[in-house]
Amino acid sequence: QVQLVESGGGLVQAGGSLRLSCAFSGRAFSSYAMAMAWFRQAPGKEREIVAAIDSGGTTYYADAGKGRFTISRDNTKNTMYLQMNSLKPEDTAVYYCAATYTSGGSYSSMLRGLSDYLGQGTQVTVSK
């Protein structure tokens, strides 16, 4: 079993920044075989991928966050991060940390919205 716990959400004004953290743990967690990602879901909308990172540190960003968001992971601290800058009201959503087992630690399946594990989510609200 793998546990994912998000933190760092909150209320921020447009143009501000937040850094989300995801602490991962569990005997089943394997840094070498697991890709990780951040998803988000806004009210009335489907969950969408924000960014992903494979076991080697290669990253992917959805268009909405390119140039503004940075995903990273520190396997020595069992933590993944999402640095969000220049936040916009349309970034308001519940943000979820996700992890999945993949061959070689690739995030390709996560780009289709798939994950083996999902955190409980943290609310991010961006005011105008």
Foldseek 3Di string as FASTA:
>chain_A
DKAKAKDWADEEAAQAKIKMKIAMDDPPDDLFFKKKFKWWDDPPGDIATAKIAFSVGDIDGDPVQPPFWDWGDDVVRRMIMIIGGRDDQVVWTWMKMFMAGDVRRDCVVVNVVDGPDIHPTDTHGYHD
